[in-house]
Amino acid sequence: MLNDRERQVLARIEHHLAITDPEFIQLFRAATPRRAGVNPSLLLVLGLALMVLGSAVMAVPVAVLGMAVAAGALVVAFQRNGAAGFSPA
């Protein structure tokens, strides 16, 4: 939590930014909130756990399912974030 002084400083910064760069402020006001859905991190952990479990009990279908879930997690993460920040070497 912010204390009163920090809130005042933040309010001044926001006010100054709104005056000097209104287009920047509109960009954030128009932004859509994060959509709810499956968390790719949880899917990845579940997939890895299934792979380990399948390997430990020598159940190939369980390990393959774990690989599919982990791959699905990567697809969901890529679709959610798009190619932003991705630059091949």
Protein backbone atom coordinates (compact mmCIF):
# COMPACT_ATOMS: atom_id res chain seq x y z
CA MET A 1 0.00 0.00 0.00
CA LEU A 2 1.05 3.53 -0.64
CA ASN A 3 1.20 6.06 2.15
CA ASP A 4 -0.35 9.53 1.79
CA ARG A 5 2.84 11.20 0.59
CA GLU A 6 3.40 8.55 -2.09
CA ARG A 7 -0.22 8.89 -3.25
CA GLN A 8 0.21 12.66 -3.59
CA VAL A 9 3.42 12.25 -5.58
CA LEU A 10 1.76 9.69 -7.83
CA ALA A 11 -1.24 11.98 -8.37
CA ARG A 12 1.10 14.84 -9.37
CA ILE A 13 2.95 12.59 -11.80
CA GLU A 14 -0.33 11.40 -13.33
CA HIS A 15 -1.61 14.98 -13.63
CA HIS A 16 1.63 16.15 -15.25
CA LEU A 17 1.58 13.23 -17.65
CA ALA A 18 -2.05 13.90 -18.57
CA ILE A 19 -1.16 17.50 -19.44
CA THR A 20 2.06 16.80 -21.33
CA ASP A 21 1.08 13.61 -23.20
CA PRO A 22 -2.69 13.09 -23.49
CA GLU A 23 -2.26 10.50 -26.27
CA PHE A 24 -0.30 8.30 -23.90
CA ILE A 25 -3.06 8.51 -21.32
CA GLN A 26 -5.71 7.63 -23.93
CA LEU A 27 -3.68 4.60 -24.92
CA PHE A 28 -4.02 3.16 -21.42
CA ARG A 29 -7.65 4.16 -20.99
CA ALA A 30 -8.54 2.36 -24.21
CA ALA A 31 -6.59 -0.77 -23.27
CA THR A 32 -8.71 -3.82 -22.64
CA PRO A 33 -8.35 -5.53 -19.30
CA ARG A 34 -6.58 -8.85 -19.09
CA ARG A 35 -8.82 -11.61 -20.20
CA ALA A 36 -9.57 -14.44 -17.89
CA GLY A 37 -8.62 -17.89 -18.98
CA VAL A 38 -6.24 -20.72 -18.44
CA ASN A 39 -2.94 -19.73 -16.92
CA PRO A 40 -0.17 -21.12 -19.16
CA SER A 41 2.19 -21.46 -16.20
CA LEU A 42 -0.20 -23.80 -14.45
CA LEU A 43 -0.67 -25.82 -17.63
CA LEU A 44 3.09 -26.12 -18.02
CA VAL A 45 3.52 -27.32 -14.42
CA LEU A 46 0.68 -29.82 -14.90
CA GLY A 47 2.26 -31.08 -18.12
CA LEU A 48 5.66 -31.51 -16.50
CA ALA A 49 4.10 -33.31 -13.54
CA LEU A 50 2.29 -35.70 -15.89
CA MET A 51 5.53 -36.38 -17.77
CA VAL A 52 7.37 -37.19 -14.55
CA LEU A 53 4.50 -39.31 -13.25
CA GLY A 54 4.21 -41.18 -16.53
CA SER A 55 7.93 -41.86 -16.54
CA ALA A 56 7.97 -42.95 -12.89
CA VAL A 57 5.18 -45.50 -13.30
CA MET A 58 6.27 -46.42 -16.83
CA ALA A 59 2.94 -45.36 -18.32
CA VAL A 60 3.71 -44.07 -21.79
CA PRO A 61 0.22 -42.61 -22.42
CA VAL A 62 0.46 -40.48 -19.26
CA ALA A 63 3.90 -39.16 -20.26
CA VAL A 64 2.66 -38.41 -23.78
CA LEU A 65 -0.36 -36.61 -22.32
CA GLY A 66 2.03 -34.56 -20.20
CA MET A 67 3.99 -33.59 -23.31
CA ALA A 68 0.77 -32.56 -25.05
CA VAL A 69 -0.36 -30.46 -22.08
CA ALA A 70 3.07 -28.77 -21.85
CA ALA A 71 3.03 -28.04 -25.58
CA GLY A 72 -0.49 -26.67 -25.23
CA ALA A 73 0.73 -24.38 -22.46
CA LEU A 74 3.37 -22.96 -24.77
CA VAL A 75 0.78 -22.40 -27.50
CA VAL A 76 -1.58 -20.62 -25.07
CA ALA A 77 1.26 -18.43 -23.77
CA PHE A 78 2.35 -17.51 -27.29
CA GLN A 79 -1.20 -16.70 -28.39
CA ARG A 80 -1.82 -14.59 -25.31
CA ASN A 81 1.37 -12.57 -25.64
CA GLY A 82 1.67 -12.69 -29.42
CA ALA A 83 5.09 -12.27 -30.92
CA ALA A 84 5.78 -9.19 -28.80
CA GLY A 85 9.34 -9.15 -27.66
CA PHE A 86 10.30 -12.16 -29.79
CA SER A 87 13.28 -11.62 -31.99
CA PRO A 88 15.14 -14.56 -33.50
CA ALA A 89 18.89 -14.53 -33.06
